[in-house]
């Protein structure tokens, strides 16, 4: 196994490609695969037990859709994961409805809803990325905990496992991080 990608690598790849294009998706996938797989697992937990789609297949479907689509310019990691989360949810909905069964359709229609939602969330995501950058400057570990919790939807147990620490430590850290994030969002006029 290689080293964990640096937190800024994702934003650097997005910036280098203008946040779009199949080349960007190919370069980005190795950096985000583990996080996307966990996000898929977390989304799958909410599905019925006998669901035929597996987390790895959901990530593969997302990859194919991203390669086929004209993505909006994604300015940062938060925007990417927000769009990926919405697109995975839409894939699950489409799968449940029986859409695209046995065929690969162009991804533009699938991501249209996610793109509209992402565009409306861009300002909030940009502020969130700015807040995460500030947190990274103070504590890279706390920033990683916050990103795993907020962007990837990890549970405290999953974060503890990822960071090789106890769940209790993560719960304690999360209380501090959550209070700090709340204060930062409050200063920026967010609820």
Protein backbone atom coordinates (compact mmCIF):
# COMPACT_ATOMS: atom_id res chain seq x y z
CA UNK A 1 0.00 0.00 0.00
CA UNK A 2 1.18 3.50 -0.80
CA UNK A 3 1.14 6.51 1.43
CA UNK A 4 -2.10 8.29 2.28
CA UNK A 5 -2.51 11.21 -0.16
CA UNK A 6 -1.90 14.64 1.30
CA UNK A 7 -5.12 16.51 1.99
CA UNK A 8 -4.24 19.23 -0.54
CA UNK A 9 -3.57 16.76 -3.38
CA UNK A 10 -7.26 16.51 -4.26
CA UNK A 11 -7.71 20.28 -4.56
CA UNK A 12 -4.47 20.50 -6.57
CA UNK A 13 -5.73 17.92 -9.10
CA UNK A 14 -9.07 19.76 -9.38
CA UNK A 15 -7.28 23.08 -9.93
CA UNK A 16 -4.87 21.63 -12.51
CA UNK A 17 -7.77 20.34 -14.63
CA UNK A 18 -10.18 23.19 -13.96
CA UNK A 19 -12.32 20.79 -11.92
CA UNK A 20 -13.46 18.86 -14.99
CA UNK A 21 -12.64 16.30 -17.64
CA UNK A 22 -11.98 12.57 -17.90
CA UNK A 23 -8.25 13.09 -17.31
CA UNK A 24 -9.07 14.75 -14.00
CA UNK A 25 -11.32 11.84 -13.02
CA UNK A 26 -8.57 9.33 -13.86
CA UNK A 27 -5.97 11.25 -11.85
CA UNK A 28 -8.35 11.87 -8.95
CA UNK A 29 -9.70 8.33 -8.50
CA UNK A 30 -6.62 6.84 -6.78
CA UNK A 31 -6.61 9.77 -4.33
CA UNK A 32 -10.28 9.47 -3.39
CA UNK A 33 -11.09 5.79 -3.94
CA UNK A 34 -10.94 4.77 -0.26
CA UNK A 35 -13.08 7.74 0.78
CA UNK A 36 -15.60 7.09 -2.01
CA UNK A 37 -15.77 3.41 -1.04
CA UNK A 38 -16.51 4.34 2.58
CA UNK A 39 -19.08 6.88 1.44
CA UNK A 40 -20.70 4.17 -0.69
CA UNK A 41 -20.70 1.77 2.28
CA UNK A 42 -22.35 4.41 4.46
CA UNK A 43 -25.01 5.07 1.83
CA UNK A 44 -25.57 1.33 1.38
CA UNK A 45 -26.25 0.91 5.11
CA UNK A 46 -29.47 2.83 4.59
CA UNK A 47 -30.57 0.49 1.79
CA UNK A 48 -32.43 -2.78 2.17
CA UNK A 49 -30.35 -5.75 3.28
CA UNK A 50 -30.82 -7.76 0.09
CA UNK A 51 -29.70 -4.92 -2.17
CA UNK A 52 -27.89 -6.30 -5.22
CA UNK A 53 -25.55 -3.33 -5.66
CA UNK A 54 -22.36 -3.49 -3.60
CA UNK A 55 -20.27 -0.48 -2.44
CA UNK A 56 -17.45 -1.27 -4.89
CA UNK A 57 -19.93 -1.48 -7.76
CA UNK A 58 -21.46 1.84 -6.69
CA UNK A 59 -18.01 3.49 -6.82
CA UNK A 60 -17.42 1.90 -10.25
CA UNK A 61 -20.76 3.23 -11.51
CA UNK A 62 -19.89 6.67 -10.18
CA UNK A 63 -16.51 6.52 -11.95
CA UNK A 64 -18.17 5.63 -15.28
CA UNK A 65 -20.72 8.42 -14.90
CA UNK A 66 -18.03 10.95 -14.02
CA UNK A 67 -15.97 9.95 -17.07
CA UNK A 68 -19.00 10.30 -19.38
CA UNK A 69 -20.26 13.59 -17.98
CA UNK A 70 -19.45 17.22 -18.46
CA UNK A 71 -18.75 18.08 -14.85
CA UNK A 72 -19.17 21.58 -13.54
CA UNK A 73 -15.86 23.14 -12.53
CA UNK A 74 -15.29 21.69 -9.08
CA UNK A 75 -13.18 24.18 -7.14
CA UNK A 76 -12.24 22.07 -4.13
CA UNK A 77 -12.43 18.79 -2.27
CA UNK A 78 -15.69 19.74 -0.54
CA UNK A 79 -17.41 20.43 -3.85
CA UNK A 80 -16.14 17.12 -5.27
CA UNK A 81 -17.34 15.02 -2.34
CA UNK A 82 -20.65 16.88 -2.19
CA UNK A 83 -21.26 16.14 -5.86
CA UNK A 84 -20.09 12.53 -5.47
CA UNK A 85 -22.45 12.00 -2.53
CA UNK A 86 -25.44 13.35 -4.46
CA UNK A 87 -24.51 11.36 -7.58
CA UNK A 88 -24.21 8.11 -5.59
CA UNK A 89 -27.60 8.72 -3.98
CA UNK A 90 -29.06 9.28 -7.44
CA UNK A 91 -27.42 6.07 -8.70
CA UNK A 92 -29.05 4.17 -5.83
CA UNK A 93 -32.42 5.73 -6.63
CA UNK A 94 -32.03 4.87 -10.31
CA UNK A 95 -30.99 1.34 -9.42
CA UNK A 96 -34.02 0.94 -7.17
CA UNK A 97 -36.31 2.19 -9.95
CA UNK A 98 -34.74 -0.25 -12.39
CA UNK A 99 -33.33 2.51 -14.61
CA UNK A 100 -30.24 1.78 -16.66
CA UNK A 101 -30.54 -1.94 -15.96
CA UNK A 102 -28.31 -3.84 -18.32
CA UNK A 103 -27.06 -0.76 -20.15
CA UNK A 104 -24.75 2.19 -19.76
CA UNK A 105 -26.40 5.50 -20.49
CA UNK A 106 -24.68 8.85 -20.84
CA UNK A 107 -23.92 10.27 -17.43
CA UNK A 108 -25.07 13.80 -18.22
CA UNK A 109 -28.68 13.14 -17.22
CA UNK A 110 -27.69 11.42 -14.00
CA UNK A 111 -25.42 14.22 -12.82
CA UNK A 112 -27.67 17.07 -13.95
CA UNK A 113 -29.53 17.09 -10.64
CA UNK A 114 -26.29 16.79 -8.66
CA UNK A 115 -24.76 19.64 -10.66
CA UNK A 116 -27.73 21.95 -10.09
CA UNK A 117 -27.58 21.18 -6.40
CA UNK A 118 -23.79 21.58 -6.36
CA UNK A 119 -24.03 24.95 -8.09
CA UNK A 120 -26.46 26.20 -5.48
CA UNK A 121 -24.18 24.87 -2.75
CA UNK A 122 -20.94 26.27 -4.25
CA UNK A 123 -20.77 29.29 -1.96
CA UNK A 124 -21.42 27.17 1.13
CA UNK A 125 -18.92 24.55 0.00
CA UNK A 126 -16.30 27.22 -0.69
CA UNK A 127 -16.82 28.58 2.82
CA UNK A 128 -16.63 25.08 4.26
CA UNK A 129 -13.39 24.40 2.38
CA UNK A 130 -11.99 27.68 3.71
CA UNK A 131 -12.95 26.62 7.24
CA UNK A 132 -11.31 23.20 6.74
CA UNK A 133 -8.15 24.91 5.45
CA UNK A 134 -8.07 27.06 8.59
CA UNK A 135 -8.56 23.94 10.73
CA UNK A 136 -5.75 22.16 8.82
CA UNK A 137 -3.40 25.03 9.66
CA UNK A 138 -4.27 24.59 13.35
CA UNK A 139 -4.38 20.78 13.41
CA UNK A 140 -4.03 18.43 10.43
CA UNK A 141 -5.44 15.58 12.50
CA UNK A 142 -8.58 17.49 13.53
CA UNK A 143 -9.06 18.57 9.92
CA UNK A 144 -8.85 14.93 8.83
CA UNK A 145 -11.41 13.92 11.49
CA UNK A 146 -13.74 16.73 10.35
CA UNK A 147 -13.40 15.82 6.67
CA UNK A 148 -14.03 12.14 7.31
CA UNK A 149 -17.06 12.94 9.45
CA UNK A 150 -18.60 15.80 7.44
CA UNK A 151 -17.61 15.06 3.85
CA UNK A 152 -17.29 11.28 3.77
CA UNK A 153 -19.94 10.50 6.39
CA UNK A 154 -17.74 8.21 8.47
CA UNK A 155 -18.93 7.04 11.85
CA UNK A 156 -16.78 7.65 14.93
CA UNK A 157 -15.79 3.97 14.84
CA UNK A 158 -14.68 4.19 11.20
CA UNK A 159 -12.66 7.33 11.87
CA UNK A 160 -11.00 5.68 14.86
CA UNK A 161 -10.09 2.69 12.73
CA UNK A 162 -8.79 4.92 9.91
CA UNK A 163 -6.64 6.96 12.31
CA UNK A 164 -5.61 3.98 14.43
CA UNK A 165 -7.00 5.34 17.69
CA UNK A 166 -9.91 4.68 20.02
CA UNK A 167 -13.53 5.57 19.32
CA UNK A 168 -13.64 7.42 22.63
CA UNK A 169 -10.75 9.65 21.53
CA UNK A 170 -12.53 10.46 18.27
CA UNK A 171 -15.78 11.21 20.12
CA UNK A 172 -13.92 13.59 22.42
CA UNK A 173 -12.11 15.25 19.50
CA UNK A 174 -15.36 15.51 17.52
CA UNK A 175 -17.06 17.44 20.35
CA UNK A 176 -14.26 20.02 20.25
CA UNK A 177 -14.21 20.13 16.42
CA UNK A 178 -18.00 20.41 16.20
CA UNK A 179 -18.02 23.34 18.65
CA UNK A 180 -15.23 25.04 16.70
CA UNK A 181 -16.97 24.45 13.36
CA UNK A 182 -20.22 25.80 14.81
CA UNK A 183 -18.46 28.94 15.98
CA UNK A 184 -16.83 29.41 12.57
CA UNK A 185 -20.10 28.91 10.70
CA UNK A 186 -21.81 31.29 13.11
CA UNK A 187 -19.21 33.98 12.38
CA UNK A 188 -19.90 33.61 8.66
CA UNK A 189 -23.65 34.06 9.05
CA UNK A 190 -24.48 30.37 8.63
CA UNK A 191 -27.10 28.68 10.83
